[in-house]
């Protein structure tokens, strides 16, 4: 288990920004392709998140930020069913 101090350090690293950016890119690709999308990309992102010590709520926050970014550029994004 990662301590709070260690997690804070991890969350401030540029690698978290890279993970978030990759998540947004992969989510955009998924929404264009539809299910099943690129499962390998999802697996790779999950593996990176585990290696960074992120938890489910951390990933939920990354997802919410990605959705906010998508909504800012495409207000119709909420009509997607698999968000």
C-alpha atoms as a PDB file:
ATOM      1  CA  UNK A   1       0.000   0.000   0.000  1.00  0.00           C
ATOM      2  CA  UNK A   2       1.257   3.466  -0.889  1.00  0.00           C
ATOM      3  CA  UNK A   3       1.465   5.962   1.982  1.00  0.00           C
ATOM      4  CA  UNK A   4      -0.304   9.312   1.733  1.00  0.00           C
ATOM      5  CA  UNK A   5       3.004  11.159   1.408  1.00  0.00           C
ATOM      6  CA  UNK A   6       4.193   8.831  -1.342  1.00  0.00           C
ATOM      7  CA  UNK A   7       0.873   9.132  -3.144  1.00  0.00           C
ATOM      8  CA  UNK A   8       1.026  12.922  -2.987  1.00  0.00           C
ATOM      9  CA  UNK A   9       4.489  12.810  -4.543  1.00  0.00           C
ATOM     10  CA  UNK A  10       3.263  10.456  -7.263  1.00  0.00           C
ATOM     11  CA  UNK A  11       0.240  12.605  -8.014  1.00  0.00           C
ATOM     12  CA  UNK A  12       2.523  15.613  -8.606  1.00  0.00           C
ATOM     13  CA  UNK A  13       4.803  13.834 -11.039  1.00  0.00           C
ATOM     14  CA  UNK A  14       4.676  14.658 -14.742  1.00  0.00           C
ATOM     15  CA  UNK A  15       3.864  10.997 -15.360  1.00  0.00           C
ATOM     16  CA  UNK A  16       0.372  11.569 -13.939  1.00  0.00           C
ATOM     17  CA  UNK A  17      -0.165  14.305 -16.506  1.00  0.00           C
ATOM     18  CA  UNK A  18       1.024  11.928 -19.201  1.00  0.00           C
ATOM     19  CA  UNK A  19      -1.351   9.221 -17.981  1.00  0.00           C
ATOM     20  CA  UNK A  20      -4.243  11.691 -17.940  1.00  0.00           C
ATOM     21  CA  UNK A  21      -3.445  12.886 -21.459  1.00  0.00           C
ATOM     22  CA  UNK A  22      -3.185   9.320 -22.731  1.00  0.00           C
ATOM     23  CA  UNK A  23      -6.490   8.472 -21.047  1.00  0.00           C
ATOM     24  CA  UNK A  24      -8.184  11.385 -22.835  1.00  0.00           C
ATOM     25  CA  UNK A  25      -6.732  10.328 -26.188  1.00  0.00           C
ATOM     26  CA  UNK A  26      -7.766   6.710 -25.672  1.00  0.00           C
ATOM     27  CA  UNK A  27     -11.260   7.739 -24.549  1.00  0.00           C
ATOM     28  CA  UNK A  28     -11.677   9.846 -27.692  1.00  0.00           C
ATOM     29  CA  UNK A  29     -10.576   6.890 -29.817  1.00  0.00           C
ATOM     30  CA  UNK A  30     -12.955   4.572 -27.977  1.00  0.00           C
ATOM     31  CA  UNK A  31     -15.891   6.923 -28.516  1.00  0.00           C
ATOM     32  CA  UNK A  32     -15.116   7.109 -32.233  1.00  0.00           C
ATOM     33  CA  UNK A  33     -14.647   3.345 -32.663  1.00  0.00           C
ATOM     34  CA  UNK A  34     -17.294   2.135 -30.246  1.00  0.00           C
ATOM     35  CA  UNK A  35     -17.161  -1.116 -28.301  1.00  0.00           C
ATOM     36  CA  UNK A  36     -15.045  -3.128 -27.956  1.00  0.00           C
ATOM     37  CA  UNK A  37     -12.551  -0.366 -28.783  1.00  0.00           C
ATOM     38  CA  UNK A  38      -8.898  -0.929 -28.087  1.00  0.00           C
ATOM     39  CA  UNK A  39      -8.772  -3.207 -25.073  1.00  0.00           C
ATOM     40  CA  UNK A  40      -4.975  -3.300 -25.179  1.00  0.00           C
ATOM     41  CA  UNK A  41      -4.837   0.466 -24.669  1.00  0.00           C
ATOM     42  CA  UNK A  42      -7.121   0.139 -21.636  1.00  0.00           C
ATOM     43  CA  UNK A  43      -4.968  -2.667 -20.247  1.00  0.00           C
ATOM     44  CA  UNK A  44      -1.789  -0.634 -20.718  1.00  0.00           C
ATOM     45  CA  UNK A  45      -3.286   2.410 -18.986  1.00  0.00           C
ATOM     46  CA  UNK A  46      -4.482   0.235 -16.117  1.00  0.00           C
ATOM     47  CA  UNK A  47      -1.038  -1.284 -15.735  1.00  0.00           C
ATOM     48  CA  UNK A  48       0.559   2.177 -15.655  1.00  0.00           C
ATOM     49  CA  UNK A  49      -1.953   3.331 -13.047  1.00  0.00           C
ATOM     50  CA  UNK A  50      -1.226   0.320 -10.830  1.00  0.00           C
ATOM     51  CA  UNK A  51       2.514   0.882 -11.177  1.00  0.00           C
ATOM     52  CA  UNK A  52       1.988   4.484 -10.084  1.00  0.00           C
ATOM     53  CA  UNK A  53       0.025   3.374  -7.035  1.00  0.00           C
ATOM     54  CA  UNK A  54      -3.226   4.970  -8.151  1.00  0.00           C
ATOM     55  CA  UNK A  55      -6.533   3.804  -6.753  1.00  0.00           C
ATOM     56  CA  UNK A  56     -10.014   3.523  -8.237  1.00  0.00           C
ATOM     57  CA  UNK A  57     -11.032   7.000  -7.090  1.00  0.00           C
ATOM     58  CA  UNK A  58      -7.908   8.453  -8.699  1.00  0.00           C
ATOM     59  CA  UNK A  59      -8.922   6.888 -12.005  1.00  0.00           C
ATOM     60  CA  UNK A  60     -12.478   8.149 -11.566  1.00  0.00           C
ATOM     61  CA  UNK A  61     -11.083  11.677 -11.169  1.00  0.00           C
ATOM     62  CA  UNK A  62      -8.984  11.265 -14.326  1.00  0.00           C
ATOM     63  CA  UNK A  63     -12.093  10.036 -16.169  1.00  0.00           C
ATOM     64  CA  UNK A  64     -14.174  12.992 -14.936  1.00  0.00           C
ATOM     65  CA  UNK A  65     -11.505  15.457 -16.081  1.00  0.00           C
ATOM     66  CA  UNK A  66     -11.385  13.766 -19.481  1.00  0.00           C
ATOM     67  CA  UNK A  67     -15.175  14.012 -19.781  1.00  0.00           C
ATOM     68  CA  UNK A  68     -15.070  17.701 -18.851  1.00  0.00           C
ATOM     69  CA  UNK A  69     -12.483  18.269 -21.560  1.00  0.00           C
ATOM     70  CA  UNK A  70     -14.574  16.396 -24.122  1.00  0.00           C
ATOM     71  CA  UNK A  71     -17.735  18.288 -23.125  1.00  0.00           C
ATOM     72  CA  UNK A  72     -15.914  21.584 -23.588  1.00  0.00           C
ATOM     73  CA  UNK A  73     -15.126  20.709 -27.207  1.00  0.00           C
ATOM     74  CA  UNK A  74     -18.269  18.680 -28.026  1.00  0.00           C
ATOM     75  CA  UNK A  75     -21.430  19.522 -26.071  1.00  0.00           C
ATOM     76  CA  UNK A  76     -23.178  16.534 -27.682  1.00  0.00           C
ATOM     77  CA  UNK A  77     -20.801  14.139 -25.931  1.00  0.00           C
ATOM     78  CA  UNK A  78     -23.403  13.485 -23.227  1.00  0.00           C
ATOM     79  CA  UNK A  79     -25.495  11.646 -25.789  1.00  0.00           C
ATOM     80  CA  UNK A  80     -22.857   8.892 -25.854  1.00  0.00           C
ATOM     81  CA  UNK A  81     -24.101   5.854 -23.963  1.00  0.00           C
ATOM     82  CA  UNK A  82     -20.822   4.315 -22.810  1.00  0.00           C
ATOM     83  CA  UNK A  83     -19.171   7.115 -20.887  1.00  0.00           C
END
